[in-house]
Amino acid sequence: MTNRQTIHTALAPDAIGTYSQAVRAGNTVYISGQIPLDPATMEPDMATFEAAARRVFGNLQAIAEAAGGSLNDAVKINISMTDLSNFATVNTVMAEFFDEPYPARAAVGVAALPKGVPVEIEAVLVLGD
């Protein structure tokens, strides 16, 4: 059986459902979908879409670091947005958190997300060589 470990950090929002912030299996880390919740208040940070996206990537970064890696270890991310016209903003903010080569990625439009937020992002990391 694969060595499985849950990852948790106070620097990212606590899970608001029946899931872990992340699970590490071997050298692969699966980070649950993050929404723009401020980990200190557990309230959405949605002053602008850019602020929301920055908060989401910051939450992902905190979890990646708690797992012993960084967002540059990401091999795949999935982005869900309630308004695909924000696609360019996601690209701009993502470039602040990742170095090239960028991970594989999917971006999809959805009708709604938890807590009425405009964006949710999940990631898969592979740590080490």
N, C-alpha and C. Protein backbone atom coordinates (compact mmCIF):
# COMPACT_ATOMS: atom_id res chain seq x y z
N MET A 1 0.83 -1.18 0.00
CA MET A 1 0.00 0.00 0.00
C MET A 1 0.88 1.25 0.00
N THR A 2 0.44 2.28 -0.68
CA THR A 2 1.18 3.52 -0.76
C THR A 2 1.21 4.23 0.59
N ASN A 3 2.36 4.80 0.90
CA ASN A 3 2.49 5.60 2.11
C ASN A 3 1.68 6.88 1.91
N ARG A 4 0.61 7.05 2.68
CA ARG A 4 -0.30 8.18 2.53
C ARG A 4 -0.26 9.06 3.77
N GLN A 5 -0.12 10.38 3.56
CA GLN A 5 -0.02 11.32 4.66
C GLN A 5 -0.90 12.54 4.35
N THR A 6 -1.69 12.98 5.33
CA THR A 6 -2.46 14.20 5.12
C THR A 6 -1.57 15.39 5.44
N ILE A 7 -1.81 16.48 4.73
CA ILE A 7 -1.05 17.72 4.89
C ILE A 7 -2.00 18.77 5.43
N HIS A 8 -1.55 19.52 6.43
CA HIS A 8 -2.35 20.61 6.98
C HIS A 8 -1.44 21.75 7.39
N THR A 9 -1.87 22.97 7.12
CA THR A 9 -1.17 24.16 7.57
C THR A 9 -2.18 25.21 8.00
N ALA A 10 -1.85 25.93 9.05
CA ALA A 10 -2.70 27.03 9.50
C ALA A 10 -2.58 28.23 8.57
N LEU A 11 -1.63 28.20 7.64
CA LEU A 11 -1.43 29.31 6.70
C LEU A 11 -2.37 29.25 5.50
N ALA A 12 -3.21 28.21 5.47
CA ALA A 12 -4.25 28.07 4.44
C ALA A 12 -5.55 27.78 5.17
N PRO A 13 -6.68 28.02 4.52
CA PRO A 13 -7.97 27.79 5.18
C PRO A 13 -8.17 26.34 5.59
N ASP A 14 -8.80 26.14 6.73
CA ASP A 14 -9.19 24.80 7.14
C ASP A 14 -10.22 24.27 6.15
N ALA A 15 -10.28 22.97 6.02
CA ALA A 15 -11.27 22.34 5.14
C ALA A 15 -12.67 22.71 5.64
N ILE A 16 -13.57 23.01 4.70
CA ILE A 16 -14.95 23.35 5.07
C ILE A 16 -15.90 22.19 4.76
N GLY A 17 -15.33 21.02 4.60
CA GLY A 17 -16.12 19.83 4.31
C GLY A 17 -15.35 18.58 4.70
N THR A 18 -15.76 17.48 4.16
CA THR A 18 -15.14 16.20 4.49
C THR A 18 -13.97 15.92 3.54
N TYR A 19 -12.91 16.68 3.69
CA TYR A 19 -11.70 16.52 2.88
C TYR A 19 -10.51 17.08 3.64
N SER A 20 -9.31 16.74 3.19
CA SER A 20 -8.06 17.27 3.74
C SER A 20 -7.57 18.39 2.85
N GLN A 21 -6.76 19.30 3.40
CA GLN A 21 -6.16 20.34 2.56
C GLN A 21 -5.38 19.68 1.43
N ALA A 22 -4.64 18.63 1.77
CA ALA A 22 -3.87 17.90 0.77
C ALA A 22 -3.57 16.51 1.31
N VAL A 23 -3.25 15.62 0.37
CA VAL A 23 -2.82 14.27 0.71
C VAL A 23 -1.57 13.98 -0.10
N ARG A 24 -0.56 13.48 0.60
CA ARG A 24 0.68 13.06 -0.07
C ARG A 24 0.69 11.55 -0.14
N ALA A 25 0.90 11.02 -1.33
CA ALA A 25 1.03 9.58 -1.55
C ALA A 25 2.35 9.38 -2.28
N GLY A 26 3.33 8.83 -1.58
CA GLY A 26 4.66 8.72 -2.16
C GLY A 26 5.21 10.12 -2.37
N ASN A 27 5.65 10.43 -3.59
CA ASN A 27 6.18 11.77 -3.86
C ASN A 27 5.16 12.66 -4.59
N THR A 28 3.90 12.23 -4.62
CA THR A 28 2.84 13.01 -5.26
C THR A 28 1.95 13.63 -4.20
N VAL A 29 1.65 14.92 -4.38
CA VAL A 29 0.79 15.66 -3.45
C VAL A 29 -0.44 16.13 -4.21
N TYR A 30 -1.60 15.80 -3.68
CA TYR A 30 -2.87 16.20 -4.27
C TYR A 30 -3.45 17.29 -3.38
N ILE A 31 -3.48 18.53 -3.87
CA ILE A 31 -4.01 19.65 -3.09
C ILE A 31 -5.47 19.85 -3.47
N SER A 32 -6.32 19.83 -2.45
CA SER A 32 -7.76 20.03 -2.66
C SER A 32 -8.02 21.41 -3.24
N GLY A 33 -9.16 21.54 -3.91
CA GLY A 33 -9.56 22.82 -4.47
C GLY A 33 -9.55 23.90 -3.41
N GLN A 34 -8.88 25.00 -3.72
CA GLN A 34 -8.81 26.14 -2.81
C GLN A 34 -9.65 27.28 -3.35
N ILE A 35 -10.41 27.89 -2.47
CA ILE A 35 -11.19 29.07 -2.81
C ILE A 35 -10.57 30.25 -2.07
N PRO A 36 -10.95 31.48 -2.40
CA PRO A 36 -10.28 32.64 -1.81
C PRO A 36 -10.70 32.95 -0.37
N LEU A 37 -10.51 31.96 0.51
CA LEU A 37 -10.79 32.20 1.93
C LEU A 37 -9.53 32.68 2.62
N ASP A 38 -9.69 33.71 3.45
CA ASP A 38 -8.60 34.18 4.30
C ASP A 38 -8.47 33.15 5.42
N PRO A 39 -7.29 32.53 5.60
CA PRO A 39 -7.17 31.49 6.62
C PRO A 39 -7.39 32.01 8.05
N ALA A 40 -7.15 33.29 8.28
CA ALA A 40 -7.32 33.85 9.62
C ALA A 40 -8.79 34.04 9.98
N THR A 41 -9.60 34.43 8.99
CA THR A 41 -11.00 34.75 9.27
C THR A 41 -11.97 33.72 8.69
N MET A 42 -11.49 32.91 7.75
CA MET A 42 -12.31 31.94 7.01
C MET A 42 -13.43 32.65 6.23
N GLU A 43 -13.21 33.91 5.90
CA GLU A 43 -14.13 34.69 5.08
C GLU A 43 -13.54 34.86 3.68
N PRO A 44 -14.39 34.90 2.65
CA PRO A 44 -13.90 35.09 1.29
C PRO A 44 -13.23 36.46 1.10
N ASP A 45 -12.14 36.45 0.35
CA ASP A 45 -11.40 37.66 -0.02
C ASP A 45 -11.75 37.93 -1.48
N MET A 46 -12.77 38.78 -1.70
CA MET A 46 -13.26 38.97 -3.06
C MET A 46 -13.44 40.44 -3.43
N ALA A 47 -12.56 41.31 -2.93
CA ALA A 47 -12.67 42.73 -3.27
C ALA A 47 -12.66 42.91 -4.79
N THR A 48 -11.80 42.16 -5.45
CA THR A 48 -11.74 42.13 -6.92
C THR A 48 -11.46 40.68 -7.32
N PHE A 49 -11.66 40.34 -8.58
CA PHE A 49 -11.32 39.00 -9.03
C PHE A 49 -9.83 38.76 -8.88
N GLU A 50 -9.02 39.78 -9.16
CA GLU A 50 -7.57 39.64 -9.02
C GLU A 50 -7.19 39.30 -7.58
N ALA A 51 -7.80 39.97 -6.61
CA ALA A 51 -7.53 39.69 -5.19
C ALA A 51 -7.94 38.26 -4.85
N ALA A 52 -9.07 37.83 -5.38
CA ALA A 52 -9.54 36.47 -5.13
C ALA A 52 -8.55 35.45 -5.70
N ALA A 53 -8.11 35.67 -6.92
CA ALA A 53 -7.16 34.75 -7.55
C ALA A 53 -5.84 34.73 -6.78
N ARG A 54 -5.37 35.88 -6.37
CA ARG A 54 -4.12 35.96 -5.61
C ARG A 54 -4.25 35.19 -4.29
N ARG A 55 -5.38 35.31 -3.63
CA ARG A 55 -5.61 34.59 -2.36
C ARG A 55 -5.60 33.09 -2.61
N VAL A 56 -6.26 32.64 -3.68
CA VAL A 56 -6.29 31.21 -3.99
C VAL A 56 -4.88 30.68 -4.24
N PHE A 57 -4.11 31.36 -5.08
CA PHE A 57 -2.75 30.90 -5.34
C PHE A 57 -1.90 30.96 -4.07
N GLY A 58 -2.12 31.95 -3.22
CA GLY A 58 -1.41 32.02 -1.94
C GLY A 58 -1.75 30.85 -1.05
N ASN A 59 -3.02 30.45 -1.01
CA ASN A 59 -3.42 29.29 -0.23
C ASN A 59 -2.77 28.02 -0.78
N LEU A 60 -2.77 27.87 -2.10
CA LEU A 60 -2.12 26.72 -2.71
C LEU A 60 -0.63 26.69 -2.38
N GLN A 61 0.00 27.85 -2.43
CA GLN A 61 1.44 27.95 -2.14
C GLN A 61 1.72 27.52 -0.69
N ALA A 62 0.90 27.98 0.25
CA ALA A 62 1.10 27.62 1.66
C ALA A 62 0.99 26.10 1.86
N ILE A 63 0.06 25.47 1.19
CA ILE A 63 -0.11 24.02 1.32
C ILE A 63 1.05 23.29 0.65
N ALA A 64 1.47 23.77 -0.51
CA ALA A 64 2.61 23.15 -1.20
C ALA A 64 3.85 23.20 -0.31
N GLU A 65 4.07 24.33 0.34
CA GLU A 65 5.23 24.47 1.22
C GLU A 65 5.09 23.56 2.46
N ALA A 66 3.87 23.43 3.00
CA ALA A 66 3.65 22.54 4.14
C ALA A 66 3.93 21.08 3.76
N ALA A 67 3.77 20.76 2.49
CA ALA A 67 4.04 19.40 2.00
C ALA A 67 5.52 19.18 1.69
N GLY A 68 6.32 20.24 1.82
CA GLY A 68 7.75 20.12 1.55
C GLY A 68 8.15 20.50 0.14
N GLY A 69 7.26 21.19 -0.56
CA GLY A 69 7.56 21.58 -1.94
C GLY A 69 7.25 23.03 -2.19
N SER A 70 6.92 23.32 -3.43
CA SER A 70 6.53 24.66 -3.85
C SER A 70 5.59 24.53 -5.04
N LEU A 71 5.00 25.61 -5.45
CA LEU A 71 4.12 25.55 -6.63
C LEU A 71 4.89 25.19 -7.89
N ASN A 72 6.20 25.39 -7.89
CA ASN A 72 6.99 25.00 -9.05
C ASN A 72 7.11 23.48 -9.18
N ASP A 73 6.66 22.74 -8.16
CA ASP A 73 6.58 21.29 -8.25
C ASP A 73 5.26 20.82 -8.86
N ALA A 74 4.36 21.76 -9.15
CA ALA A 74 3.06 21.40 -9.72
C ALA A 74 3.24 20.85 -11.13
N VAL A 75 2.55 19.74 -11.38
CA VAL A 75 2.55 19.16 -12.72
C VAL A 75 1.20 19.37 -13.40
N LYS A 76 0.15 19.64 -12.61
CA LYS A 76 -1.19 19.85 -13.16
C LYS A 76 -2.00 20.70 -12.21
N ILE A 77 -2.70 21.68 -12.74
CA ILE A 77 -3.67 22.43 -11.95
C ILE A 77 -4.99 22.48 -12.72
N ASN A 78 -6.07 22.51 -11.96
CA ASN A 78 -7.41 22.63 -12.53
C ASN A 78 -8.03 23.89 -11.95
N ILE A 79 -8.52 24.74 -12.83
CA ILE A 79 -9.11 26.02 -12.44
C ILE A 79 -10.59 26.01 -12.81
N SER A 80 -11.43 26.36 -11.85
CA SER A 80 -12.86 26.53 -12.09
C SER A 80 -13.20 27.98 -11.85
N MET A 81 -13.89 28.60 -12.80
CA MET A 81 -14.28 30.01 -12.68
C MET A 81 -15.75 30.16 -13.03
N THR A 82 -16.42 31.06 -12.34
CA THR A 82 -17.83 31.32 -12.66
C THR A 82 -17.97 32.29 -13.82
N ASP A 83 -16.88 32.94 -14.24
CA ASP A 83 -16.91 33.87 -15.37
C ASP A 83 -15.60 33.74 -16.13
N LEU A 84 -15.65 33.11 -17.29
CA LEU A 84 -14.44 32.88 -18.06
C LEU A 84 -13.82 34.14 -18.64
N SER A 85 -14.50 35.26 -18.52
CA SER A 85 -13.88 36.52 -18.97
C SER A 85 -12.71 36.90 -18.05
N ASN A 86 -12.58 36.22 -16.91
CA ASN A 86 -11.47 36.47 -16.00
C ASN A 86 -10.23 35.64 -16.33
N PHE A 87 -10.25 34.95 -17.44
CA PHE A 87 -9.16 34.06 -17.85
C PHE A 87 -7.82 34.79 -17.90
N ALA A 88 -7.79 35.98 -18.50
CA ALA A 88 -6.53 36.73 -18.62
C ALA A 88 -5.99 37.13 -17.25
N THR A 89 -6.89 37.47 -16.33
CA THR A 89 -6.45 37.84 -14.98
C THR A 89 -5.83 36.64 -14.28
N VAL A 90 -6.42 35.46 -14.44
CA VAL A 90 -5.84 34.25 -13.86
C VAL A 90 -4.43 34.03 -14.41
N ASN A 91 -4.25 34.20 -15.71
CA ASN A 91 -2.92 34.04 -16.32
C ASN A 91 -1.91 35.00 -15.70
N THR A 92 -2.30 36.25 -15.54
CA THR A 92 -1.40 37.27 -14.97
C THR A 92 -1.01 36.92 -13.54
N VAL A 93 -1.99 36.58 -12.72
CA VAL A 93 -1.71 36.26 -11.32
C VAL A 93 -0.92 34.95 -11.21
N MET A 94 -1.28 33.97 -12.02
CA MET A 94 -0.56 32.69 -11.98
C MET A 94 0.93 32.89 -12.27
N ALA A 95 1.26 33.77 -13.18
CA ALA A 95 2.66 34.03 -13.53
C ALA A 95 3.45 34.59 -12.35
N GLU A 96 2.77 35.18 -11.37
CA GLU A 96 3.44 35.69 -10.16
C GLU A 96 3.84 34.55 -9.22
N PHE A 97 3.18 33.41 -9.33
CA PHE A 97 3.39 32.30 -8.39
C PHE A 97 4.16 31.12 -8.97
N PHE A 98 4.29 31.04 -10.30
CA PHE A 98 4.94 29.92 -10.95
C PHE A 98 6.08 30.41 -11.83
N ASP A 99 7.11 29.57 -11.94
CA ASP A 99 8.18 29.80 -12.90
C ASP A 99 7.96 28.86 -14.09
N GLU A 100 8.47 29.24 -15.24
CA GLU A 100 8.43 28.35 -16.39
C GLU A 100 9.39 27.20 -16.17
N PRO A 101 9.13 26.02 -16.64
CA PRO A 101 7.96 25.65 -17.44
C PRO A 101 6.73 25.51 -16.54
N TYR A 102 5.62 26.01 -17.02
CA TYR A 102 4.37 25.97 -16.26
C TYR A 102 3.79 24.57 -16.25
N PRO A 103 2.96 24.27 -15.25
CA PRO A 103 2.32 22.95 -15.22
C PRO A 103 1.25 22.82 -16.29
N ALA A 104 0.84 21.59 -16.56
CA ALA A 104 -0.33 21.37 -17.40
C ALA A 104 -1.52 21.99 -16.66
N ARG A 105 -2.55 22.37 -17.42
CA ARG A 105 -3.65 23.09 -16.78
C ARG A 105 -4.95 22.91 -17.54
N ALA A 106 -6.04 22.92 -16.79
CA ALA A 106 -7.37 22.98 -17.37
C ALA A 106 -8.08 24.16 -16.72
N ALA A 107 -8.89 24.85 -17.48
CA ALA A 107 -9.70 25.95 -16.96
C ALA A 107 -11.12 25.75 -17.49
N VAL A 108 -12.07 25.71 -16.58
CA VAL A 108 -13.45 25.47 -16.98
C VAL A 108 -14.37 26.51 -16.35
N GLY A 109 -15.44 26.80 -17.05
CA GLY A 109 -16.48 27.67 -16.52
C GLY A 109 -17.51 26.83 -15.80
N VAL A 110 -17.92 27.30 -14.64
CA VAL A 110 -18.92 26.59 -13.84
C VAL A 110 -20.02 27.56 -13.44
N ALA A 111 -21.17 27.02 -13.10
CA ALA A 111 -22.32 27.86 -12.73
C ALA A 111 -22.14 28.50 -11.36
N ALA A 112 -21.56 27.77 -10.42
CA ALA A 112 -21.41 28.29 -9.06
C ALA A 112 -20.30 27.53 -8.34
N LEU A 113 -19.76 28.18 -7.30
CA LEU A 113 -18.72 27.58 -6.46
C LEU A 113 -19.10 27.78 -5.00
N PRO A 114 -18.49 27.02 -4.08
CA PRO A 114 -18.82 27.17 -2.66
C PRO A 114 -18.67 28.61 -2.17
N LYS A 115 -19.57 29.00 -1.29
CA LYS A 115 -19.57 30.33 -0.67
C LYS A 115 -19.72 31.47 -1.68
N GLY A 116 -20.17 31.15 -2.89
CA GLY A 116 -20.39 32.19 -3.90
C GLY A 116 -19.13 32.82 -4.46
N VAL A 117 -17.98 32.13 -4.32
CA VAL A 117 -16.72 32.69 -4.79
C VAL A 117 -16.60 32.54 -6.31
N PRO A 118 -15.73 33.35 -6.94
CA PRO A 118 -15.61 33.31 -8.39
C PRO A 118 -14.58 32.33 -8.94
N VAL A 119 -13.74 31.75 -8.06
CA VAL A 119 -12.66 30.89 -8.56
C VAL A 119 -12.29 29.84 -7.52
N GLU A 120 -11.96 28.65 -8.02
CA GLU A 120 -11.43 27.56 -7.20
C GLU A 120 -10.35 26.87 -8.01
N ILE A 121 -9.23 26.54 -7.34
CA ILE A 121 -8.11 25.91 -8.04
C ILE A 121 -7.59 24.75 -7.21
N GLU A 122 -7.32 23.63 -7.87
CA GLU A 122 -6.69 22.47 -7.23
C GLU A 122 -5.38 22.20 -7.95
N ALA A 123 -4.49 21.46 -7.28
CA ALA A 123 -3.16 21.21 -7.87
C ALA A 123 -2.67 19.80 -7.53
N VAL A 124 -1.83 19.28 -8.43
CA VAL A 124 -1.11 18.04 -8.19
C VAL A 124 0.38 18.38 -8.30
N LEU A 125 1.12 18.02 -7.25
CA LEU A 125 2.57 18.26 -7.22
C LEU A 125 3.30 16.93 -7.27
N VAL A 126 4.49 16.92 -7.83
CA VAL A 126 5.38 15.78 -7.73
C VAL A 126 6.67 16.31 -7.12
N LEU A 127 7.03 15.78 -5.95
CA LEU A 127 8.18 16.26 -5.20
C LEU A 127 9.41 15.39 -5.48
N GLY A 128 10.56 16.00 -5.52
CA GLY A 128 11.81 15.26 -5.72
C GLY A 128 11.99 14.81 -7.14
N ASP A 129 13.06 14.09 -7.36
CA ASP A 129 13.36 13.59 -8.72
C ASP A 129 12.87 12.20 -8.93
